Amino acid sequence: MDKAAFIVVFTTVPDKISGERIAQALVESRVAACASLCLPCESTYWWQGAVSRETEHTLIIKTTARLYPAVEQKIRELHPYEVPEIIALPILRGSQPYLNWIASETRSD
């Protein structure tokens, strides 16, 4: 599989429980090989005409570009936010054994 076929998807969640639920669903459904829930951070952003500041957790999801639509759909189904952050970045370089692992642990259909 071409290296350009791999992506990292980011989403932020309001709490650890939400992140764990989304991570579990993504990996169990095999649309992601791994989802890493990171320590809390402070996010500052515009929402409904005002600057907001909240503590959030970041979920880093390793998958393939082909599976992005399924990842986005699953996040939208489970995410508590009205407008969740869901962004994907290409993996430009990576360890070939790790990329092979992502490919082998995600569904092939």
PDB file of N, CA and C in Angstrom:
ATOM      1  N   MET A   1       0.836  -1.177   0.000  1.00  0.00           N
ATOM      2  CA  MET A   1       0.000   0.000   0.000  1.00  0.00           C
ATOM      3  C   MET A   1       0.885   1.245   0.000  1.00  0.00           C
ATOM      4  N   ASP A   2       0.534   2.210  -0.817  1.00  0.00           N
ATOM      5  CA  ASP A   2       1.261   3.475  -0.943  1.00  0.00           C
ATOM      6  C   ASP A   2       1.212   4.257   0.371  1.00  0.00           C
ATOM      7  N   LYS A   3       2.324   4.888   0.745  1.00  0.00           N
ATOM      8  CA  LYS A   3       2.373   5.677   1.984  1.00  0.00           C
ATOM      9  C   LYS A   3       1.318   6.787   1.986  1.00  0.00           C
ATOM     10  N   ALA A   4       0.997   7.348   0.820  1.00  0.00           N
ATOM     11  CA  ALA A   4      -0.002   8.417   0.739  1.00  0.00           C
ATOM     12  C   ALA A   4      -1.395   7.930   1.110  1.00  0.00           C
ATOM     13  N   ALA A   5      -1.564   6.639   1.207  1.00  0.00           N
ATOM     14  CA  ALA A   5      -2.867   6.081   1.534  1.00  0.00           C
ATOM     15  C   ALA A   5      -3.161   6.114   3.025  1.00  0.00           C
ATOM     16  N   PHE A   6      -2.212   6.538   3.843  1.00  0.00           N
ATOM     17  CA  PHE A   6      -2.381   6.527   5.292  1.00  0.00           C
ATOM     18  C   PHE A   6      -2.624   7.938   5.812  1.00  0.00           C
ATOM     19  N   ILE A   7      -3.497   8.039   6.824  1.00  0.00           N
ATOM     20  CA  ILE A   7      -3.819   9.334   7.405  1.00  0.00           C
ATOM     21  C   ILE A   7      -3.875   9.234   8.925  1.00  0.00           C
ATOM     22  N   VAL A   8      -3.808  10.406   9.548  1.00  0.00           N
ATOM     23  CA  VAL A   8      -4.049  10.550  10.974  1.00  0.00           C
ATOM     24  C   VAL A   8      -5.243  11.487  11.098  1.00  0.00           C
ATOM     25  N   VAL A   9      -6.250  11.061  11.859  1.00  0.00           N
ATOM     26  CA  VAL A   9      -7.448  11.856  12.063  1.00  0.00           C
ATOM     27  C   VAL A   9      -7.434  12.360  13.504  1.00  0.00           C
ATOM     28  N   PHE A  10      -7.764  13.637  13.676  1.00  0.00           N
ATOM     29  CA  PHE A  10      -7.829  14.245  15.004  1.00  0.00           C
ATOM     30  C   PHE A  10      -9.262  14.623  15.325  1.00  0.00           C
ATOM     31  N   THR A  11      -9.650  14.415  16.558  1.00  0.00           N
ATOM     32  CA  THR A  11     -10.886  14.962  17.083  1.00  0.00           C
ATOM     33  C   THR A  11     -10.652  15.290  18.549  1.00  0.00           C
ATOM     34  N   THR A  12     -11.373  16.282  19.039  1.00  0.00           N
ATOM     35  CA  THR A  12     -11.304  16.600  20.459  1.00  0.00           C
ATOM     36  C   THR A  12     -12.632  16.225  21.096  1.00  0.00           C
ATOM     37  N   VAL A  13     -12.568  15.816  22.346  1.00  0.00           N
ATOM     38  CA  VAL A  13     -13.755  15.393  23.092  1.00  0.00           C
ATOM     39  C   VAL A  13     -13.752  16.090  24.451  1.00  0.00           C
ATOM     40  N   PRO A  14     -14.925  16.218  25.072  1.00  0.00           N
ATOM     41  CA  PRO A  14     -14.995  16.950  26.324  1.00  0.00           C
ATOM     42  C   PRO A  14     -14.453  16.206  27.542  1.00  0.00           C
ATOM     43  N   ASP A  15     -14.337  14.887  27.423  1.00  0.00           N
ATOM     44  CA  ASP A  15     -13.907  14.118  28.591  1.00  0.00           C
ATOM     45  C   ASP A  15     -13.329  12.766  28.162  1.00  0.00           C
ATOM     46  N   LYS A  16     -12.674  12.129  29.105  1.00  0.00           N
ATOM     47  CA  LYS A  16     -12.013  10.845  28.845  1.00  0.00           C
ATOM     48  C   LYS A  16     -13.010   9.769  28.435  1.00  0.00           C
ATOM     49  N   ILE A  17     -14.162   9.736  29.062  1.00  0.00           N
ATOM     50  CA  ILE A  17     -15.158   8.700  28.763  1.00  0.00           C
ATOM     51  C   ILE A  17     -15.627   8.790  27.316  1.00  0.00           C
ATOM     52  N   SER A  18     -15.896  10.005  26.824  1.00  0.00           N
ATOM     53  CA  SER A  18     -16.301  10.176  25.419  1.00  0.00           C
ATOM     54  C   SER A  18     -15.200   9.691  24.485  1.00  0.00           C
ATOM     55  N   GLY A  19     -13.951  10.048  24.793  1.00  0.00           N
ATOM     56  CA  GLY A  19     -12.824   9.621  23.966  1.00  0.00           C
ATOM     57  C   GLY A  19     -12.654   8.117  23.954  1.00  0.00           C
ATOM     58  N   GLU A  20     -12.778   7.498  25.120  1.00  0.00           N
ATOM     59  CA  GLU A  20     -12.644   6.036  25.193  1.00  0.00           C
ATOM     60  C   GLU A  20     -13.745   5.339  24.402  1.00  0.00           C
ATOM     61  N   ARG A  21     -14.974   5.873  24.471  1.00  0.00           N
ATOM     62  CA  ARG A  21     -16.098   5.272  23.745  1.00  0.00           C
ATOM     63  C   ARG A  21     -15.871   5.362  22.230  1.00  0.00           C
ATOM     64  N   ILE A  22     -15.440   6.515  21.750  1.00  0.00           N
ATOM     65  CA  ILE A  22     -15.193   6.684  20.313  1.00  0.00           C
ATOM     66  C   ILE A  22     -14.012   5.823  19.868  1.00  0.00           C
ATOM     67  N   ALA A  23     -12.930   5.827  20.641  1.00  0.00           N
ATOM     68  CA  ALA A  23     -11.745   5.017  20.299  1.00  0.00           C
ATOM     69  C   ALA A  23     -12.106   3.542  20.196  1.00  0.00           C
ATOM     70  N   GLN A  24     -12.823   3.053  21.176  1.00  0.00           N
ATOM     71  CA  GLN A  24     -13.221   1.638  21.194  1.00  0.00           C
ATOM     72  C   GLN A  24     -14.053   1.289  19.962  1.00  0.00           C
ATOM     73  N   ALA A  25     -15.012   2.138  19.632  1.00  0.00           N
ATOM     74  CA  ALA A  25     -15.882   1.872  18.480  1.00  0.00           C
ATOM     75  C   ALA A  25     -15.105   1.884  17.167  1.00  0.00           C
ATOM     76  N   LEU A  26     -14.175   2.810  17.019  1.00  0.00           N
ATOM     77  CA  LEU A  26     -13.394   2.887  15.783  1.00  0.00           C
ATOM     78  C   LEU A  26     -12.512   1.658  15.599  1.00  0.00           C
ATOM     79  N   VAL A  27     -11.854   1.244  16.671  1.00  0.00           N
ATOM     80  CA  VAL A  27     -10.945   0.093  16.574  1.00  0.00           C
ATOM     81  C   VAL A  27     -11.742  -1.205  16.440  1.00  0.00           C
ATOM     82  N   GLU A  28     -12.802  -1.367  17.224  1.00  0.00           N
ATOM     83  CA  GLU A  28     -13.619  -2.587  17.128  1.00  0.00           C
ATOM     84  C   GLU A  28     -14.228  -2.758  15.745  1.00  0.00           C
ATOM     85  N   SER A  29     -14.634  -1.662  15.118  1.00  0.00           N
ATOM     86  CA  SER A  29     -15.226  -1.755  13.777  1.00  0.00           C
ATOM     87  C   SER A  29     -14.161  -1.850  12.685  1.00  0.00           C
ATOM     88  N   ARG A  30     -12.893  -1.786  13.085  1.00  0.00           N
ATOM     89  CA  ARG A  30     -11.736  -1.947  12.212  1.00  0.00           C
ATOM     90  C   ARG A  30     -11.609  -0.860  11.154  1.00  0.00           C
ATOM     91  N   VAL A  31     -12.166   0.324  11.446  1.00  0.00           N
ATOM     92  CA  VAL A  31     -11.943   1.461  10.555  1.00  0.00           C
ATOM     93  C   VAL A  31     -10.712   2.241  10.988  1.00  0.00           C
ATOM     94  N   ALA A  32     -10.160   1.883  12.155  1.00  0.00           N
ATOM     95  CA  ALA A  32      -8.904   2.461  12.633  1.00  0.00           C
ATOM     96  C   ALA A  32      -8.062   1.356  13.242  1.00  0.00           C
ATOM     97  N   ALA A  33      -6.763   1.432  13.027  1.00  0.00           N
ATOM     98  CA  ALA A  33      -5.854   0.453  13.632  1.00  0.00           C
ATOM     99  C   ALA A  33      -5.557   0.826  15.079  1.00  0.00           C
ATOM    100  N   CYS A  34      -5.577   2.137  15.366  1.00  0.00           N
ATOM    101  CA  CYS A  34      -5.226   2.615  16.699  1.00  0.00           C
ATOM    102  C   CYS A  34      -5.867   3.982  16.909  1.00  0.00           C
ATOM    103  N   ALA A  35      -6.294   4.236  18.129  1.00  0.00           N
ATOM    104  CA  ALA A  35      -6.788   5.557  18.514  1.00  0.00           C
ATOM    105  C   ALA A  35      -6.159   5.893  19.857  1.00  0.00           C
ATOM    106  N   SER A  36      -5.375   6.951  19.902  1.00  0.00           N
ATOM    107  CA  SER A  36      -4.661   7.355  21.115  1.00  0.00           C
ATOM    108  C   SER A  36      -5.371   8.531  21.759  1.00  0.00           C
ATOM    109  N   LEU A  37      -5.781   8.358  23.000  1.00  0.00           N
ATOM    110  CA  LEU A  37      -6.434   9.416  23.758  1.00  0.00           C
ATOM    111  C   LEU A  37      -5.375  10.144  24.573  1.00  0.00           C
ATOM    112  N   CYS A  38      -5.212  11.430  24.316  1.00  0.00           N
ATOM    113  CA  CYS A  38      -4.150  12.213  24.948  1.00  0.00           C
ATOM    114  C   CYS A  38      -4.653  12.946  26.187  1.00  0.00           C
ATOM    115  N   LEU A  39      -3.691  13.384  26.983  1.00  0.00           N
ATOM    116  CA  LEU A  39      -3.970  14.114  28.213  1.00  0.00           C
ATOM    117  C   LEU A  39      -4.840  15.335  27.944  1.00  0.00           C
ATOM    118  N   PRO A  40      -5.517  15.813  28.957  1.00  0.00           N
ATOM    119  CA  PRO A  40      -6.345  17.009  28.754  1.00  0.00           C
ATOM    120  C   PRO A  40      -5.517  18.222  28.316  1.00  0.00           C
ATOM    121  N   CYS A  41      -6.169  19.073  27.548  1.00  0.00           N
ATOM    122  CA  CYS A  41      -5.570  20.331  27.123  1.00  0.00           C
ATOM    123  C   CYS A  41      -6.635  21.410  27.243  1.00  0.00           C
ATOM    124  N   GLU A  42      -6.210  22.651  27.193  1.00  0.00           N
ATOM    125  CA  GLU A  42      -7.136  23.780  27.216  1.00  0.00           C
ATOM    126  C   GLU A  42      -7.336  24.261  25.780  1.00  0.00           C
ATOM    127  N   SER A  43      -8.571  24.266  25.324  1.00  0.00           N
ATOM    128  CA  SER A  43      -8.896  24.763  23.986  1.00  0.00           C
ATOM    129  C   SER A  43      -9.600  26.101  24.101  1.00  0.00           C
ATOM    130  N   THR A  44      -9.168  27.061  23.294  1.00  0.00           N
ATOM    131  CA  THR A  44      -9.800  28.370  23.217  1.00  0.00           C
ATOM    132  C   THR A  44     -10.315  28.521  21.796  1.00  0.00           C
ATOM    133  N   TYR A  45     -11.599  28.872  21.654  1.00  0.00           N
ATOM    134  CA  TYR A  45     -12.213  28.885  20.331  1.00  0.00           C
ATOM    135  C   TYR A  45     -13.449  29.787  20.322  1.00  0.00           C
ATOM    136  N   TRP A  46     -13.855  30.178  19.114  1.00  0.00           N
ATOM    137  CA  TRP A  46     -15.096  30.912  18.945  1.00  0.00           C
ATOM    138  C   TRP A  46     -16.244  29.921  18.885  1.00  0.00           C
ATOM    139  N   TRP A  47     -17.331  30.192  19.622  1.00  0.00           N
ATOM    140  CA  TRP A  47     -18.538  29.369  19.555  1.00  0.00           C
ATOM    141  C   TRP A  47     -19.734  30.260  19.845  1.00  0.00           C
ATOM    142  N   GLN A  48     -20.643  30.307  18.890  1.00  0.00           N
ATOM    143  CA  GLN A  48     -21.885  31.063  18.999  1.00  0.00           C
ATOM    144  C   GLN A  48     -21.633  32.526  19.392  1.00  0.00           C
ATOM    145  N   GLY A  49     -20.662  33.143  18.720  1.00  0.00           N
ATOM    146  CA  GLY A  49     -20.402  34.556  18.869  1.00  0.00           C
ATOM    147  C   GLY A  49     -19.557  34.972  20.056  1.00  0.00           C
ATOM    148  N   ALA A  50     -19.014  34.012  20.787  1.00  0.00           N
ATOM    149  CA  ALA A  50     -18.197  34.346  21.960  1.00  0.00           C
ATOM    150  C   ALA A  50     -16.966  33.453  22.008  1.00  0.00           C
ATOM    151  N   VAL A  51     -15.925  33.959  22.653  1.00  0.00           N
ATOM    152  CA  VAL A  51     -14.730  33.144  22.855  1.00  0.00           C
ATOM    153  C   VAL A  51     -14.989  32.209  24.039  1.00  0.00           C
ATOM    154  N   SER A  52     -14.744  30.943  23.813  1.00  0.00           N
ATOM    155  CA  SER A  52     -14.944  29.928  24.853  1.00  0.00           C
ATOM    156  C   SER A  52     -13.612  29.291  25.206  1.00  0.00           C
ATOM    157  N   ARG A  53     -13.518  28.791  26.406  1.00  0.00           N
ATOM    158  CA  ARG A  53     -12.332  28.046  26.837  1.00  0.00           C
ATOM    159  C   ARG A  53     -12.817  26.813  27.583  1.00  0.00           C
ATOM    160  N   GLU A  54     -12.362  25.649  27.142  1.00  0.00           N
ATOM    161  CA  GLU A  54     -12.780  24.391  27.741  1.00  0.00           C
ATOM    162  C   GLU A  54     -11.595  23.442  27.849  1.00  0.00           C
ATOM    163  N   THR A  55     -11.675  22.549  28.800  1.00  0.00           N
ATOM    164  CA  THR A  55     -10.720  21.453  28.892  1.00  0.00           C
ATOM    165  C   THR A  55     -11.222  20.343  27.987  1.00  0.00           C
ATOM    166  N   GLU A  56     -10.349  19.830  27.142  1.00  0.00           N
ATOM    167  CA  GLU A  56     -10.699  18.751  26.215  1.00  0.00           C
ATOM    168  C   GLU A  56      -9.588  17.712  26.193  1.00  0.00           C
ATOM    169  N   HIS A  57      -9.903  16.568  25.608  1.00  0.00           N
ATOM    170  CA  HIS A  57      -8.922  15.527  25.315  1.00  0.00           C
ATOM    171  C   HIS A  57      -8.829  15.425  23.796  1.00  0.00           C
ATOM    172  N   THR A  58      -7.659  15.100  23.298  1.00  0.00           N
ATOM    173  CA  THR A  58      -7.470  14.896  21.860  1.00  0.00           C
ATOM    174  C   THR A  58      -7.379  13.408  21.569  1.00  0.00           C
ATOM    175  N   LEU A  59      -8.082  12.993  20.540  1.00  0.00           N
ATOM    176  CA  LEU A  59      -8.035  11.615  20.071  1.00  0.00           C
ATOM    177  C   LEU A  59      -7.294  11.616  18.741  1.00  0.00           C
ATOM    178  N   ILE A  60      -6.217  10.833  18.657  1.00  0.00           N
ATOM    179  CA  ILE A  60      -5.407  10.727  17.441  1.00  0.00           C
ATOM    180  C   ILE A  60      -5.657   9.335  16.866  1.00  0.00           C
ATOM    181  N   ILE A  61      -6.185   9.299  15.653  1.00  0.00           N
ATOM    182  CA  ILE A  61      -6.669   8.056  15.050  1.00  0.00           C
ATOM    183  C   ILE A  61      -5.813   7.725  13.832  1.00  0.00           C
ATOM    184  N   LYS A  62      -5.261   6.517  13.817  1.00  0.00           N
ATOM    185  CA  LYS A  62      -4.433   6.079  12.696  1.00  0.00           C
ATOM    186  C   LYS A  62      -5.250   5.130  11.815  1.00  0.00           C
ATOM    187  N   THR A  63      -5.335   5.480  10.510  1.00  0.00           N
ATOM    188  CA  THR A  63      -6.163   4.704   9.594  1.00  0.00           C
ATOM    189  C   THR A  63      -5.676   4.917   8.164  1.00  0.00           C
ATOM    190  N   THR A  64      -6.511   4.544   7.213  1.00  0.00           N
ATOM    191  CA  THR A  64      -6.193   4.751   5.795  1.00  0.00           C
ATOM    192  C   THR A  64      -7.116   5.818   5.220  1.00  0.00           C
ATOM    193  N   ALA A  65      -6.660   6.476   4.175  1.00  0.00           N
ATOM    194  CA  ALA A  65      -7.470   7.505   3.525  1.00  0.00           C
ATOM    195  C   ALA A  65      -8.783   6.920   3.015  1.00  0.00           C
ATOM    196  N   ARG A  66      -8.734   5.707   2.539  1.00  0.00           N
ATOM    197  CA  ARG A  66      -9.923   5.038   2.012  1.00  0.00           C
ATOM    198  C   ARG A  66     -11.008   4.890   3.077  1.00  0.00           C
ATOM    199  N   LEU A  67     -10.609   4.731   4.336  1.00  0.00           N
ATOM    200  CA  LEU A  67     -11.575   4.531   5.412  1.00  0.00           C
ATOM    201  C   LEU A  67     -12.016   5.831   6.087  1.00  0.00           C
ATOM    202  N   TYR A  68     -11.499   6.969   5.619  1.00  0.00           N
ATOM    203  CA  TYR A  68     -11.880   8.230   6.257  1.00  0.00           C
ATOM    204  C   TYR A  68     -13.398   8.424   6.356  1.00  0.00           C
ATOM    205  N   PRO A  69     -14.174   8.200   5.291  1.00  0.00           N
ATOM    206  CA  PRO A  69     -15.625   8.414   5.421  1.00  0.00           C
ATOM    207  C   PRO A  69     -16.257   7.594   6.555  1.00  0.00           C
ATOM    208  N   ALA A  70     -15.816   6.371   6.736  1.00  0.00           N
ATOM    209  CA  ALA A  70     -16.361   5.531   7.811  1.00  0.00           C
ATOM    210  C   ALA A  70     -15.926   6.042   9.183  1.00  0.00           C
ATOM    211  N   VAL A  71     -14.682   6.526   9.279  1.00  0.00           N
ATOM    212  CA  VAL A  71     -14.196   7.102  10.536  1.00  0.00           C
ATOM    213  C   VAL A  71     -15.018   8.339  10.875  1.00  0.00           C
ATOM    214  N   GLU A  72     -15.196   9.224   9.922  1.00  0.00           N
ATOM    215  CA  GLU A  72     -15.977  10.436  10.170  1.00  0.00           C
ATOM    216  C   GLU A  72     -17.408  10.096  10.590  1.00  0.00           C
ATOM    217  N   GLN A  73     -18.018   9.159   9.892  1.00  0.00           N
ATOM    218  CA  GLN A  73     -19.395   8.773  10.221  1.00  0.00           C
ATOM    219  C   GLN A  73     -19.494   8.236  11.647  1.00  0.00           C
ATOM    220  N   LYS A  74     -18.570   7.372  12.038  1.00  0.00           N
ATOM    221  CA  LYS A  74     -18.587   6.787  13.384  1.00  0.00           C
ATOM    222  C   LYS A  74     -18.377   7.866  14.444  1.00  0.00           C
ATOM    223  N   ILE A  75     -17.453   8.788  14.194  1.00  0.00           N
ATOM    224  CA  ILE A  75     -17.234   9.881  15.149  1.00  0.00           C
ATOM    225  C   ILE A  75     -18.509  10.710  15.288  1.00  0.00           C
ATOM    226  N   ARG A  76     -19.134  11.067  14.165  1.00  0.00           N
ATOM    227  CA  ARG A  76     -20.356  11.877  14.208  1.00  0.00           C
ATOM    228  C   ARG A  76     -21.471  11.171  14.984  1.00  0.00           C
ATOM    229  N   GLU A  77     -21.576   9.851  14.817  1.00  0.00           N
ATOM    230  CA  GLU A  77     -22.610   9.074  15.524  1.00  0.00           C
ATOM    231  C   GLU A  77     -22.426   9.130  17.035  1.00  0.00           C
ATOM    232  N   LEU A  78     -21.174   9.125  17.500  1.00  0.00           N
ATOM    233  CA  LEU A  78     -20.889   8.974  18.921  1.00  0.00           C
ATOM    234  C   LEU A  78     -20.483  10.263  19.627  1.00  0.00           C
ATOM    235  N   HIS A  79     -20.144  11.284  18.890  1.00  0.00           N
ATOM    236  CA  HIS A  79     -19.578  12.501  19.477  1.00  0.00           C
ATOM    237  C   HIS A  79     -20.656  13.348  20.153  1.00  0.00           C
ATOM    238  N   PRO A  80     -20.375  13.866  21.351  1.00  0.00           N
ATOM    239  CA  PRO A  80     -21.373  14.678  22.042  1.00  0.00           C
ATOM    240  C   PRO A  80     -21.477  16.123  21.541  1.00  0.00           C
ATOM    241  N   TYR A  81     -20.506  16.607  20.761  1.00  0.00           N
ATOM    242  CA  TYR A  81     -20.548  17.997  20.297  1.00  0.00           C
ATOM    243  C   TYR A  81     -21.481  18.153  19.103  1.00  0.00           C
ATOM    244  N   GLU A  82     -22.091  19.324  19.002  1.00  0.00           N
ATOM    245  CA  GLU A  82     -22.927  19.654  17.851  1.00  0.00           C
ATOM    246  C   GLU A  82     -22.083  19.727  16.573  1.00  0.00           C
ATOM    247  N   VAL A  83     -20.885  20.324  16.694  1.00  0.00           N
ATOM    248  CA  VAL A  83     -19.964  20.448  15.563  1.00  0.00           C
ATOM    249  C   VAL A  83     -18.595  19.949  16.018  1.00  0.00           C
ATOM    250  N   PRO A  84     -18.371  18.641  15.943  1.00  0.00           N
ATOM    251  CA  PRO A  84     -17.078  18.121  16.402  1.00  0.00           C
ATOM    252  C   PRO A  84     -15.953  18.436  15.426  1.00  0.00           C
ATOM    253  N   GLU A  85     -14.775  18.632  16.005  1.00  0.00           N
ATOM    254  CA  GLU A  85     -13.575  18.742  15.174  1.00  0.00           C
ATOM    255  C   GLU A  85     -13.292  17.350  14.612  1.00  0.00           C
ATOM    256  N   ILE A  86     -13.215  17.251  13.306  1.00  0.00           N
ATOM    257  CA  ILE A  86     -12.800  16.009  12.646  1.00  0.00           C
ATOM    258  C   ILE A  86     -11.923  16.445  11.483  1.00  0.00           C
ATOM    259  N   ILE A  87     -10.617  16.298  11.648  1.00  0.00           N
ATOM    260  CA  ILE A  87      -9.703  16.687  10.581  1.00  0.00           C
ATOM    261  C   ILE A  87      -8.740  15.533  10.311  1.00  0.00           C
ATOM    262  N   ALA A  88      -8.326  15.432   9.072  1.00  0.00           N
ATOM    263  CA  ALA A  88      -7.410  14.368   8.669  1.00  0.00           C
ATOM    264  C   ALA A  88      -6.176  14.970   8.016  1.00  0.00           C
ATOM    265  N   LEU A  89      -5.044  14.417   8.362  1.00  0.00           N
ATOM    266  CA  LEU A  89      -3.776  14.828   7.775  1.00  0.00           C
ATOM    267  C   LEU A  89      -3.107  13.616   7.145  1.00  0.00           C
ATOM    268  N   PRO A  90      -2.486  13.798   5.988  1.00  0.00           N
ATOM    269  CA  PRO A  90      -1.796  12.663   5.370  1.00  0.00           C
ATOM    270  C   PRO A  90      -0.535  12.313   6.140  1.00  0.00           C
ATOM    271  N   ILE A  91      -0.209  11.056   6.159  1.00  0.00           N
ATOM    272  CA  ILE A  91       1.077  10.609   6.686  1.00  0.00           C
ATOM    273  C   ILE A  91       2.038  10.634   5.508  1.00  0.00           C
ATOM    274  N   LEU A  92       2.952  11.589   5.506  1.00  0.00           N
ATOM    275  CA  LEU A  92       3.873  11.754   4.375  1.00  0.00           C
ATOM    276  C   LEU A  92       5.010  10.753   4.418  1.00  0.00           C
ATOM    277  N   ARG A  93       5.436  10.413   5.610  1.00  0.00           N
ATOM    278  CA  ARG A  93       6.499   9.432   5.798  1.00  0.00           C
ATOM    279  C   ARG A  93       6.179   8.626   7.036  1.00  0.00           C
ATOM    280  N   GLY A  94       6.647   7.399   7.045  1.00  0.00           N
ATOM    281  CA  GLY A  94       6.425   6.566   8.217  1.00  0.00           C
ATOM    282  C   GLY A  94       7.190   5.266   8.099  1.00  0.00           C
ATOM    283  N   SER A  95       7.377   4.638   9.209  1.00  0.00           N
ATOM    284  CA  SER A  95       8.026   3.333   9.251  1.00  0.00           C
ATOM    285  C   SER A  95       7.176   2.334   8.464  1.00  0.00           C
ATOM    286  N   GLN A  96       7.775   1.690   7.494  1.00  0.00           N
ATOM    287  CA  GLN A  96       7.012   0.757   6.658  1.00  0.00           C
ATOM    288  C   GLN A  96       6.376  -0.368   7.478  1.00  0.00           C
ATOM    289  N   PRO A  97       7.079  -0.943   8.469  1.00  0.00           N
ATOM    290  CA  PRO A  97       6.403  -1.963   9.284  1.00  0.00           C
ATOM    291  C   PRO A  97       5.168  -1.415  10.007  1.00  0.00           C
ATOM    292  N   TYR A  98       5.226  -0.169  10.481  1.00  0.00           N
ATOM    293  CA  TYR A  98       4.067   0.422  11.160  1.00  0.00           C
ATOM    294  C   TYR A  98       2.926   0.649  10.171  1.00  0.00           C
ATOM    295  N   LEU A  99       3.237   1.166   8.994  1.00  0.00           N
ATOM    296  CA  LEU A  99       2.210   1.378   7.979  1.00  0.00           C
ATOM    297  C   LEU A  99       1.592   0.054   7.542  1.00  0.00           C
ATOM    298  N   ASN A 100       2.418  -0.973   7.431  1.00  0.00           N
ATOM    299  CA  ASN A 100       1.896  -2.303   7.102  1.00  0.00           C
ATOM    300  C   ASN A 100       0.929  -2.773   8.181  1.00  0.00           C
ATOM    301  N   TRP A 101       1.266  -2.486   9.438  1.00  0.00           N
ATOM    302  CA  TRP A 101       0.403  -2.870  10.549  1.00  0.00           C
ATOM    303  C   TRP A 101      -0.941  -2.151  10.461  1.00  0.00           C
ATOM    304  N   ILE A 102      -0.929  -0.839  10.171  1.00  0.00           N
ATOM    305  CA  ILE A 102      -2.189  -0.110  10.010  1.00  0.00           C
ATOM    306  C   ILE A 102      -3.029  -0.786   8.935  1.00  0.00           C
ATOM    307  N   ALA A 103      -2.406  -1.089   7.799  1.00  0.00           N
ATOM    308  CA  ALA A 103      -3.135  -1.714   6.692  1.00  0.00           C
ATOM    309  C   ALA A 103      -3.706  -3.078   7.100  1.00  0.00           C
ATOM    310  N   SER A 104      -2.941  -3.843   7.845  1.00  0.00           N
ATOM    311  CA  SER A 104      -3.407  -5.195   8.209  1.00  0.00           C
ATOM    312  C   SER A 104      -4.482  -5.175   9.290  1.00  0.00           C
ATOM    313  N   GLU A 105      -4.547  -4.116  10.098  1.00  0.00           N
ATOM    314  CA  GLU A 105      -5.498  -4.078  11.199  1.00  0.00           C
ATOM    315  C   GLU A 105      -6.787  -3.320  10.897  1.00  0.00           C
ATOM    316  N   THR A 106      -6.879  -2.759   9.699  1.00  0.00           N
ATOM    317  CA  THR A 106      -8.120  -2.095   9.290  1.00  0.00           C
ATOM    318  C   THR A 106      -8.818  -2.980   8.265  1.00  0.00           C
ATOM    319  N   ARG A 107     -10.112  -2.781   8.156  1.00  0.00           N
ATOM    320  CA  ARG A 107     -10.870  -3.654   7.249  1.00  0.00           C
ATOM    321  C   ARG A 107     -10.473  -3.407   5.813  1.00  0.00           C
ATOM    322  N   SER A 108     -10.575  -4.418   5.000  1.00  0.00           N
ATOM    323  CA  SER A 108     -10.107  -4.308   3.613  1.00  0.00           C
ATOM    324  C   SER A 108     -11.236  -4.002   2.632  1.00  0.00           C
ATOM    325  N   ASP A 109     -12.492  -4.036   3.076  1.00  0.00           N
ATOM    326  CA  ASP A 109     -13.593  -3.774   2.132  1.00  0.00           C
ATOM    327  C   ASP A 109     -13.862  -2.315   1.943  1.00  0.00           C
TER     328      ASP A 109
END
